[in-house]
Amino acid sequence: MNISSIVEDEIEDAVGKIPITPMINVALLLVLFFMMSAPAIFLSGIGVKNPSLVGSEGGKSTELKVNVYIDKDGNLYLNNELIEWGDFPERVAELLARSTSRIVVVSAAPDIPIQEVVTVLDISKQKGALKLALLRRKIEEKKEYSE
């Protein structure tokens, strides 16, 4: 046997074979990663309760809206009625008990600190709100017409 023919055979063997073991390892690791992360995508941290047909007071539930507005002076309006900050937790709990959807919509004047809005959202969630929404109101400008 010739040494050059042995070297040529080894070169052909090395070039002709593609190592697939690393590719299989990578593919299996990707499958394992997606299998482990899939449940985390579909799970939510917030438990949702179905609204009952009868409120906690024993009366019938209705499609009652709970709208909260904080004006530029820091006054709190619940369904367009001015209330005190101390009365808010009791009143929102009462309204949510009679509501079937249990949605609270919060809007505020542009100059209100975000902490006040977060406080309203937090109290509403503690008192039984299933869904919270923030509403941005348009600022109506006074237009003067000259004749």
C-alpha atoms as a PDB file:
ATOM      1  CA  MET A   1       0.000   0.000   0.000  1.00  0.00           C
ATOM      2  CA  ASN A   2       0.999   3.433  -0.809  1.00  0.00           C
ATOM      3  CA  ILE A   3       1.099   6.118   1.912  1.00  0.00           C
ATOM      4  CA  SER A   4      -0.422   8.685  -0.399  1.00  0.00           C
ATOM      5  CA  SER A   5      -3.470   6.463  -1.023  1.00  0.00           C
ATOM      6  CA  ILE A   6      -4.024   6.041   2.750  1.00  0.00           C
ATOM      7  CA  VAL A   7      -3.848   9.799   3.288  1.00  0.00           C
ATOM      8  CA  GLU A   8      -6.276  10.404   0.396  1.00  0.00           C
ATOM      9  CA  ASP A   9      -8.749   7.855   1.842  1.00  0.00           C
ATOM     10  CA  GLU A  10      -8.624   9.572   5.255  1.00  0.00           C
ATOM     11  CA  ILE A  11      -9.210  13.004   3.691  1.00  0.00           C
ATOM     12  CA  GLU A  12     -12.193  11.708   1.682  1.00  0.00           C
ATOM     13  CA  ASP A  13     -13.668  10.092   4.806  1.00  0.00           C
ATOM     14  CA  ALA A  14     -13.289  13.298   6.828  1.00  0.00           C
ATOM     15  CA  VAL A  15     -14.844  15.492   4.139  1.00  0.00           C
ATOM     16  CA  GLY A  16     -17.668  13.101   3.255  1.00  0.00           C
ATOM     17  CA  LYS A  17     -18.984  12.721   6.812  1.00  0.00           C
ATOM     18  CA  ILE A  18     -21.019  15.566   8.345  1.00  0.00           C
ATOM     19  CA  PRO A  19     -21.201  15.431  12.136  1.00  0.00           C
ATOM     20  CA  ILE A  20     -24.928  15.396  12.946  1.00  0.00           C
ATOM     21  CA  THR A  21     -24.633  14.699  16.664  1.00  0.00           C
ATOM     22  CA  PRO A  22     -24.234  18.408  17.607  1.00  0.00           C
ATOM     23  CA  MET A  23     -27.237  19.320  15.435  1.00  0.00           C
ATOM     24  CA  ILE A  24     -29.347  16.648  17.137  1.00  0.00           C
ATOM     25  CA  ASN A  25     -28.262  17.956  20.535  1.00  0.00           C
ATOM     26  CA  VAL A  26     -29.274  21.508  19.625  1.00  0.00           C
ATOM     27  CA  ALA A  27     -32.648  20.354  18.223  1.00  0.00           C
ATOM     28  CA  LEU A  28     -33.436  18.354  21.368  1.00  0.00           C
ATOM     29  CA  LEU A  29     -32.454  21.266  23.590  1.00  0.00           C
ATOM     30  CA  LEU A  30     -34.786  23.579  21.649  1.00  0.00           C
ATOM     31  CA  VAL A  31     -37.661  21.099  21.943  1.00  0.00           C
ATOM     32  CA  LEU A  32     -36.998  20.771  25.667  1.00  0.00           C
ATOM     33  CA  PHE A  33     -36.858  24.564  26.107  1.00  0.00           C
ATOM     34  CA  PHE A  34     -40.197  25.096  24.332  1.00  0.00           C
ATOM     35  CA  MET A  35     -41.849  22.280  26.257  1.00  0.00           C
ATOM     36  CA  MET A  36     -40.720  23.814  29.553  1.00  0.00           C
ATOM     37  CA  SER A  37     -41.700  27.404  28.682  1.00  0.00           C
ATOM     38  CA  ALA A  38     -45.091  26.698  27.043  1.00  0.00           C
ATOM     39  CA  PRO A  39     -47.097  26.433  30.297  1.00  0.00           C
ATOM     40  CA  ALA A  40     -45.738  29.785  31.496  1.00  0.00           C
ATOM     41  CA  ILE A  41     -47.086  31.502  28.385  1.00  0.00           C
ATOM     42  CA  PHE A  42     -50.649  30.328  28.941  1.00  0.00           C
ATOM     43  CA  LEU A  43     -50.874  30.829  32.699  1.00  0.00           C
ATOM     44  CA  SER A  44     -52.117  34.105  34.133  1.00  0.00           C
ATOM     45  CA  GLY A  45     -51.409  35.482  37.587  1.00  0.00           C
ATOM     46  CA  ILE A  46     -54.902  36.894  38.026  1.00  0.00           C
ATOM     47  CA  GLY A  47     -57.739  34.591  39.010  1.00  0.00           C
ATOM     48  CA  VAL A  48     -61.038  35.395  37.341  1.00  0.00           C
ATOM     49  CA  LYS A  49     -64.324  34.609  39.068  1.00  0.00           C
ATOM     50  CA  ASN A  50     -67.543  34.291  37.149  1.00  0.00           C
ATOM     51  CA  PRO A  51     -69.965  37.029  38.152  1.00  0.00           C
ATOM     52  CA  SER A  52     -72.896  35.723  40.123  1.00  0.00           C
ATOM     53  CA  LEU A  53     -76.506  36.411  39.247  1.00  0.00           C
ATOM     54  CA  VAL A  54     -77.255  37.409  42.833  1.00  0.00           C
ATOM     55  CA  GLY A  55     -75.203  40.078  44.589  1.00  0.00           C
ATOM     56  CA  SER A  56     -73.802  39.699  48.092  1.00  0.00           C
ATOM     57  CA  GLU A  57     -76.762  41.609  49.528  1.00  0.00           C
ATOM     58  CA  GLY A  58     -79.210  39.047  48.131  1.00  0.00           C
ATOM     59  CA  GLY A  59     -80.644  41.481  45.590  1.00  0.00           C
ATOM     60  CA  LYS A  60     -80.537  41.046  41.857  1.00  0.00           C
ATOM     61  CA  SER A  61     -77.387  42.023  40.013  1.00  0.00           C
ATOM     62  CA  THR A  62     -77.588  44.468  37.151  1.00  0.00           C
ATOM     63  CA  GLU A  63     -75.272  45.808  34.503  1.00  0.00           C
ATOM     64  CA  LEU A  64     -74.179  48.654  36.760  1.00  0.00           C
ATOM     65  CA  LYS A  65     -71.286  50.786  35.577  1.00  0.00           C
ATOM     66  CA  VAL A  66     -68.629  51.933  37.998  1.00  0.00           C
ATOM     67  CA  ASN A  67     -66.961  55.083  36.650  1.00  0.00           C
ATOM     68  CA  VAL A  68     -64.413  56.959  38.733  1.00  0.00           C
ATOM     69  CA  TYR A  69     -63.068  60.390  37.845  1.00  0.00           C
ATOM     70  CA  ILE A  70     -60.458  62.459  39.671  1.00  0.00           C
ATOM     71  CA  ASP A  71     -60.631  66.141  38.741  1.00  0.00           C
ATOM     72  CA  LYS A  72     -57.779  68.662  38.695  1.00  0.00           C
ATOM     73  CA  ASP A  73     -58.439  69.656  42.332  1.00  0.00           C
ATOM     74  CA  GLY A  74     -58.174  66.044  43.527  1.00  0.00           C
ATOM     75  CA  ASN A  75     -61.923  65.602  44.064  1.00  0.00           C
ATOM     76  CA  LEU A  76     -63.235  62.082  43.542  1.00  0.00           C
ATOM     77  CA  TYR A  77     -66.382  61.426  41.500  1.00  0.00           C
ATOM     78  CA  LEU A  78     -68.068  58.017  41.532  1.00  0.00           C
ATOM     79  CA  ASN A  79     -70.624  57.719  38.722  1.00  0.00           C
ATOM     80  CA  ASN A  80     -70.632  61.528  38.382  1.00  0.00           C
ATOM     81  CA  GLU A  81     -71.373  62.001  42.089  1.00  0.00           C
ATOM     82  CA  LEU A  82     -68.856  63.811  44.291  1.00  0.00           C
ATOM     83  CA  ILE A  83     -67.744  61.641  47.213  1.00  0.00           C
ATOM     84  CA  GLU A  84     -65.091  61.822  49.913  1.00  0.00           C
ATOM     85  CA  TRP A  85     -61.927  59.729  49.640  1.00  0.00           C
ATOM     86  CA  GLY A  86     -62.781  57.975  52.923  1.00  0.00           C
ATOM     87  CA  ASP A  87     -66.190  56.878  51.627  1.00  0.00           C
ATOM     88  CA  PHE A  88     -64.802  55.489  48.372  1.00  0.00           C
ATOM     89  CA  PRO A  89     -63.992  51.913  49.520  1.00  0.00           C
ATOM     90  CA  GLU A  90     -67.484  51.325  50.938  1.00  0.00           C
ATOM     91  CA  ARG A  91     -69.293  52.876  47.987  1.00  0.00           C
ATOM     92  CA  VAL A  92     -67.280  51.041  45.329  1.00  0.00           C
ATOM     93  CA  ALA A  93     -67.793  47.722  47.177  1.00  0.00           C
ATOM     94  CA  GLU A  94     -71.535  48.388  47.255  1.00  0.00           C
ATOM     95  CA  LEU A  95     -71.664  49.174  43.533  1.00  0.00           C
ATOM     96  CA  LEU A  96     -69.494  46.196  42.575  1.00  0.00           C
ATOM     97  CA  ALA A  97     -71.697  43.836  44.608  1.00  0.00           C
ATOM     98  CA  ARG A  98     -74.674  44.846  42.452  1.00  0.00           C
ATOM     99  CA  SER A  99     -72.791  44.731  39.145  1.00  0.00           C
ATOM    100  CA  THR A 100     -72.613  41.644  36.932  1.00  0.00           C
ATOM    101  CA  SER A 101     -69.546  42.701  34.949  1.00  0.00           C
ATOM    102  CA  ARG A 102     -67.586  44.192  37.887  1.00  0.00           C
ATOM    103  CA  ILE A 103     -65.661  46.579  35.652  1.00  0.00           C
ATOM    104  CA  VAL A 104     -64.228  49.802  37.061  1.00  0.00           C
ATOM    105  CA  VAL A 105     -63.312  52.579  34.623  1.00  0.00           C
ATOM    106  CA  VAL A 106     -60.936  55.199  36.025  1.00  0.00           C
ATOM    107  CA  SER A 107     -60.083  58.528  34.441  1.00  0.00           C
ATOM    108  CA  ALA A 108     -58.246  61.517  35.807  1.00  0.00           C
ATOM    109  CA  ALA A 109     -57.293  65.066  34.939  1.00  0.00           C
ATOM    110  CA  PRO A 110     -53.858  65.387  33.302  1.00  0.00           C
ATOM    111  CA  ASP A 111     -52.194  67.036  36.324  1.00  0.00           C
ATOM    112  CA  ILE A 112     -53.194  64.351  38.852  1.00  0.00           C
ATOM    113  CA  PRO A 113     -50.281  62.377  40.375  1.00  0.00           C
ATOM    114  CA  ILE A 114     -50.227  58.771  39.214  1.00  0.00           C
ATOM    115  CA  GLN A 115     -50.223  57.577  42.842  1.00  0.00           C
ATOM    116  CA  GLU A 116     -53.838  58.730  43.295  1.00  0.00           C
ATOM    117  CA  VAL A 117     -54.933  56.782  40.223  1.00  0.00           C
ATOM    118  CA  VAL A 118     -53.063  53.687  41.407  1.00  0.00           C
ATOM    119  CA  THR A 119     -54.711  54.024  44.832  1.00  0.00           C
ATOM    120  CA  VAL A 120     -58.161  54.062  43.217  1.00  0.00           C
ATOM    121  CA  LEU A 121     -57.257  51.019  41.097  1.00  0.00           C
ATOM    122  CA  ASP A 122     -55.898  49.165  44.133  1.00  0.00           C
ATOM    123  CA  ILE A 123     -58.949  49.842  46.293  1.00  0.00           C
ATOM    124  CA  SER A 124     -61.259  48.825  43.447  1.00  0.00           C
ATOM    125  CA  LYS A 125     -59.420  45.533  42.958  1.00  0.00           C
ATOM    126  CA  GLN A 126     -59.509  44.820  46.702  1.00  0.00           C
ATOM    127  CA  LYS A 127     -63.254  45.448  46.812  1.00  0.00           C
ATOM    128  CA  GLY A 128     -64.044  42.926  44.076  1.00  0.00           C
ATOM    129  CA  ALA A 129     -63.414  44.469  40.665  1.00  0.00           C
ATOM    130  CA  LEU A 130     -62.656  41.800  38.074  1.00  0.00           C
ATOM    131  CA  LYS A 131     -61.509  44.190  35.356  1.00  0.00           C
ATOM    132  CA  LEU A 132     -59.911  47.604  35.598  1.00  0.00           C
ATOM    133  CA  ALA A 133     -59.718  50.123  32.777  1.00  0.00           C
ATOM    134  CA  LEU A 134     -58.048  53.489  32.371  1.00  0.00           C
ATOM    135  CA  LEU A 135     -59.837  56.049  30.245  1.00  0.00           C
ATOM    136  CA  ARG A 136     -58.188  59.072  28.723  1.00  0.00           C
ATOM    137  CA  ARG A 137     -60.570  61.984  28.424  1.00  0.00           C
ATOM    138  CA  LYS A 138     -60.253  64.683  25.835  1.00  0.00           C
ATOM    139  CA  ILE A 139     -59.606  68.141  27.171  1.00  0.00           C
ATOM    140  CA  GLU A 140     -62.286  70.355  25.797  1.00  0.00           C
ATOM    141  CA  GLU A 141     -60.964  73.699  24.695  1.00  0.00           C
ATOM    142  CA  LYS A 142     -63.147  76.756  24.813  1.00  0.00           C
ATOM    143  CA  LYS A 143     -63.416  78.254  21.392  1.00  0.00           C
ATOM    144  CA  GLU A 144     -64.361  81.838  20.994  1.00  0.00           C
ATOM    145  CA  TYR A 145     -66.094  82.772  17.806  1.00  0.00           C
ATOM    146  CA  SER A 146     -65.725  86.300  16.548  1.00  0.00           C
ATOM    147  CA  GLU A 147     -68.525  87.813  14.576  1.00  0.00           C
END
